[in-house]
Protein backbone atom coordinates (compact mmCIF):
# COMPACT_ATOMS: atom_id res chain seq x y z
CA ASP A 1 78.49 -54.48 62.12
CA TRP A 2 79.90 -57.35 60.02
CA PRO A 3 83.41 -58.34 61.30
CA HIS A 4 82.24 -60.39 64.31
CA ILE A 5 80.34 -62.73 62.07
CA GLN A 6 82.96 -63.28 59.40
CA ARG A 7 84.43 -66.20 61.17
CA TYR A 8 81.10 -68.28 60.53
CA ALA A 9 80.19 -69.72 57.04
CA LYS A 10 76.34 -69.62 57.57
CA MET A 11 74.05 -67.49 59.56
CA VAL A 12 70.43 -67.64 60.53
CA TYR A 13 68.22 -64.68 61.61
CA MET A 14 65.16 -65.39 63.82
CA ASP A 15 62.43 -63.13 65.13
CA THR A 16 61.76 -63.20 68.83
CA ASP A 17 58.63 -65.25 68.38
CA VAL A 18 60.60 -68.15 66.85
CA LEU A 19 61.39 -71.19 69.10
CA VAL A 20 64.27 -73.66 68.49
CA SER A 21 62.91 -77.15 68.58
CA LYS A 22 65.99 -79.24 67.72
CA ASN A 23 69.89 -78.88 67.58
CA LEU A 24 70.66 -76.35 64.82
CA THR A 25 74.02 -77.92 64.08
CA GLU A 26 72.26 -80.57 61.90
CA MET A 27 70.19 -77.86 60.11
CA PHE A 28 73.33 -75.84 59.13
CA ALA A 29 75.23 -78.99 58.10
CA SER A 30 72.25 -80.16 55.88
CA THR A 31 71.52 -76.98 54.11
CA ASP A 32 73.62 -76.00 51.11
CA LEU A 33 73.56 -72.31 50.59
CA GLU A 34 74.34 -70.96 47.30
CA GLY A 35 76.01 -67.67 48.56
CA ASN A 36 76.67 -64.69 46.20
CA GLY A 37 73.89 -62.60 47.95
CA ALA A 38 71.22 -65.44 47.90
CA LEU A 39 68.70 -65.10 50.89
CA TYR A 40 66.98 -68.34 52.11
CA ALA A 41 63.55 -67.94 53.84
CA VAL A 42 60.19 -69.61 54.28
CA GLN A 43 57.67 -69.14 51.31
CA GLU A 44 54.43 -67.62 52.36
CA GLY A 45 51.75 -67.20 49.54
CA LYS A 46 52.03 -66.58 45.88
CA LEU A 47 52.51 -63.59 43.69
CA ASN A 48 49.35 -61.91 42.86
CA ARG A 49 47.77 -58.34 42.46
CA ASN A 50 45.89 -58.25 45.52
CA GLN A 51 46.49 -54.84 47.24
CA TYR A 52 46.72 -56.43 50.88
CA PHE A 53 49.13 -59.06 49.64
CA GLU A 54 51.32 -56.50 47.98
CA SER A 55 51.54 -54.46 51.17
CA ARG A 56 52.88 -57.45 52.99
CA PHE A 57 55.54 -58.57 50.51
CA SER A 58 56.44 -55.27 48.57
CA ILE A 59 56.72 -51.51 49.14
CA ALA A 60 55.73 -50.36 45.65
CA GLY A 61 54.15 -53.40 44.00
CA TYR A 62 55.71 -55.37 41.20
CA SER A 63 55.41 -54.56 37.40
CA ASP A 64 54.12 -57.13 35.08
CA GLU A 65 57.63 -57.54 33.74
CA GLU A 66 59.12 -57.95 37.15
CA ARG A 67 56.45 -60.69 38.07
CA GLN A 68 57.18 -62.49 34.87
CA ARG A 69 60.93 -62.46 35.81
CA MET A 70 60.22 -63.55 39.39
CA ARG A 71 57.98 -66.41 38.11
CA GLU A 72 60.74 -67.59 35.49
CA ASN A 73 63.22 -67.69 38.33
CA LYS A 74 60.97 -69.28 40.82
CA ILE A 75 61.04 -66.26 43.19
CA GLU A 76 58.31 -66.27 45.77
CA PRO A 77 57.10 -64.01 48.61
CA PHE A 78 58.51 -65.08 51.93
CA ASN A 79 58.09 -64.53 55.55
CA ALA A 80 61.03 -62.61 56.79
CA GLY A 81 60.82 -64.05 60.41
CA VAL A 82 63.52 -66.66 59.72
CA LEU A 83 66.34 -65.70 57.23
CA MET A 84 69.42 -67.85 56.39
CA PHE A 85 72.57 -66.80 54.13
CA LYS A 86 75.93 -67.61 53.48
CA VAL A 87 78.41 -65.19 54.97
CA ASP A 88 80.32 -63.75 51.91
CA ARG A 89 81.47 -60.38 50.42
CA ALA A 90 78.43 -60.39 48.02
CA MET A 91 75.89 -60.57 50.98
CA LEU A 92 77.89 -57.96 52.91
CA GLN A 93 77.38 -55.61 49.96
CA HIS A 94 73.68 -56.26 49.75
CA VAL A 95 73.24 -55.79 53.45
CA ARG A 96 74.76 -52.32 53.31
CA ALA A 97 73.05 -51.50 50.06
CA PHE A 98 69.73 -52.65 51.64
CA LYS A 99 70.36 -50.53 54.72
CA LYS A 100 70.79 -47.36 52.73
CA PHE A 101 67.63 -48.34 50.54
CA MET A 102 65.50 -48.67 53.47
CA VAL A 103 66.79 -45.75 55.50
CA SER A 104 66.37 -43.46 52.28
CA GLY A 105 62.70 -44.73 51.74
CA LEU A 106 61.63 -44.23 55.32
CA GLY A 107 63.14 -40.84 55.34
CA ASN A 108 60.94 -40.09 52.23
CA GLY A 109 57.77 -41.15 53.93
CA THR A 110 57.49 -44.61 52.22
CA LYS A 111 55.04 -46.71 53.96
CA ALA A 112 55.14 -50.45 54.24
CA PHE A 113 53.52 -53.29 56.20
CA THR A 114 56.92 -54.02 58.10
CA ASP A 115 60.58 -54.57 57.42
CA GLN A 116 59.33 -57.76 55.80
CA SER A 117 57.91 -55.69 52.91
CA TRP A 118 61.24 -53.95 52.43
CA ILE A 119 63.21 -57.09 52.57
CA ASN A 120 60.88 -58.78 49.99
CA TYR A 121 60.95 -56.00 47.62
CA TYR A 122 64.76 -55.73 47.72
CA PHE A 123 65.65 -59.33 47.31
CA ASN A 124 62.86 -60.42 45.05
CA LYS A 125 63.48 -57.53 42.48
CA ARG A 126 67.07 -58.66 42.23
CA LEU A 127 66.02 -62.48 41.95
CA LEU A 128 68.04 -63.33 45.09
CA THR A 129 65.23 -64.90 47.10
CA ARG A 130 65.32 -68.77 47.76
CA ALA A 131 62.21 -69.53 49.65
CA THR A 132 63.26 -73.18 50.51
CA LEU A 133 63.19 -73.38 54.13
CA ASN A 134 59.60 -74.76 54.62
CA GLN A 135 60.88 -77.96 55.47
CA LEU A 136 63.05 -76.84 58.26
CA VAL A 137 60.80 -74.00 59.79
CA GLN A 138 57.11 -74.66 60.57
CA LEU A 139 55.26 -71.40 60.24
CA TYR A 140 52.13 -70.83 62.34
CA PRO A 141 52.49 -74.13 64.14
CA THR A 142 49.42 -75.41 66.04
CA LEU A 143 49.77 -75.40 69.93
CA GLY A 144 50.50 -78.70 71.33
CA VAL A 145 51.76 -80.29 68.16
CA TRP A 146 55.15 -81.83 67.65
CA TYR A 147 56.77 -81.26 64.22
CA PRO A 148 59.49 -83.97 63.79
CA SER A 149 61.22 -82.31 60.78
CA ALA A 150 61.09 -78.66 61.95
CA TYR A 151 64.14 -77.14 63.54
CA LEU A 152 62.35 -73.88 64.25
CA LEU A 153 58.74 -73.05 65.06
CA HIS A 154 57.74 -69.48 64.01
CA PHE A 155 54.64 -68.42 65.66
CA ALA A 156 54.53 -65.18 63.63
CA THR A 157 52.44 -63.21 66.21
CA CYS A 158 50.41 -60.82 64.08
CA SER A 159 47.36 -58.87 63.56
CA LYS A 160 43.92 -60.36 64.48
CA CYS A 161 42.87 -60.48 60.90
CA MET A 162 45.74 -63.04 60.13
CA CYS A 163 45.91 -65.20 63.23
CA SER A 164 43.75 -68.16 64.34
CA PRO A 165 42.08 -67.95 67.86
CA GLU A 166 45.01 -70.27 69.04
CA HIS A 167 47.55 -67.62 68.06
CA ALA A 168 45.69 -64.83 69.51
CA LYS A 169 46.27 -66.44 72.94
CA ILE A 170 50.11 -65.97 72.46
CA ALA A 171 49.97 -62.65 70.68
CA HIS A 172 52.61 -61.53 73.24
CA PRO A 173 55.75 -63.46 72.73
CA LEU A 174 56.63 -63.22 76.43
CA ARG A 175 53.58 -65.31 77.28
CA LEU A 176 54.73 -68.08 74.88
CA CYS A 177 56.77 -70.26 77.28
CA ARG A 178 54.04 -70.00 80.05
CA LEU A 179 51.12 -71.22 77.74
CA MET A 180 52.86 -73.82 75.66
CA THR A 181 53.69 -77.63 76.08
CA TYR A 182 54.69 -80.13 73.50
CA LYS A 183 53.20 -83.62 72.91
CA VAL A 184 56.47 -85.40 72.34
CA PRO A 185 56.32 -89.28 72.20
CA GLY A 186 57.58 -90.69 75.26
CA ALA A 187 58.10 -87.51 77.02
CA SER A 188 56.17 -86.05 79.97
CA LYS A 189 54.14 -82.72 79.54
CA VAL A 190 56.69 -80.22 80.80
CA PRO A 191 56.16 -76.41 80.36
CA LEU A 192 58.68 -75.06 77.82
CA ASN A 193 60.04 -72.39 80.17
CA GLU A 194 61.17 -75.26 82.55
CA ARG A 195 62.77 -77.25 79.73
CA ILE A 196 64.52 -74.44 77.81
CA GLY A 197 65.55 -72.33 80.91
CA ARG A 198 63.92 -69.18 82.29
């Protein structure tokens, strides 16, 4: 599950509720990736002791010592809907280790919010998270608004307690193209499904 991407220098993973709003070639060219297992993502929230928060960004919580190390290294919790990384041997090793870690945990009955909880826990504890993609990815965008600096729009369809009424309208990703139009300067209102293909 790795050889077919080794010809690329950088990779980006996107959830199915992410829309590409600009050519990604420029995003790849302008984003310097550290490599050596570093995982780039969009920061969402801050470290705290809130139980609900912990369930979204961890599978077992973080110890006081881990929190301190994370703060010192500017490690922040992240949304796992858009992930970017350098294709190298170190990341391959982490992908394999993470797979074993998650499969083992699920087999033992470990409960977590989603895969996001597992990914945060694994990479944050190892100080590999780089939550620096906020300028390139718009999380929870407002319907009908154009974001000039964003290459990706992540609607993060989610539970009712987290979403605004606007996002409740698009809770099903397949309805997204039918419901949305952009207000782009100088452009007519054209439904997204007609502009990006059906």
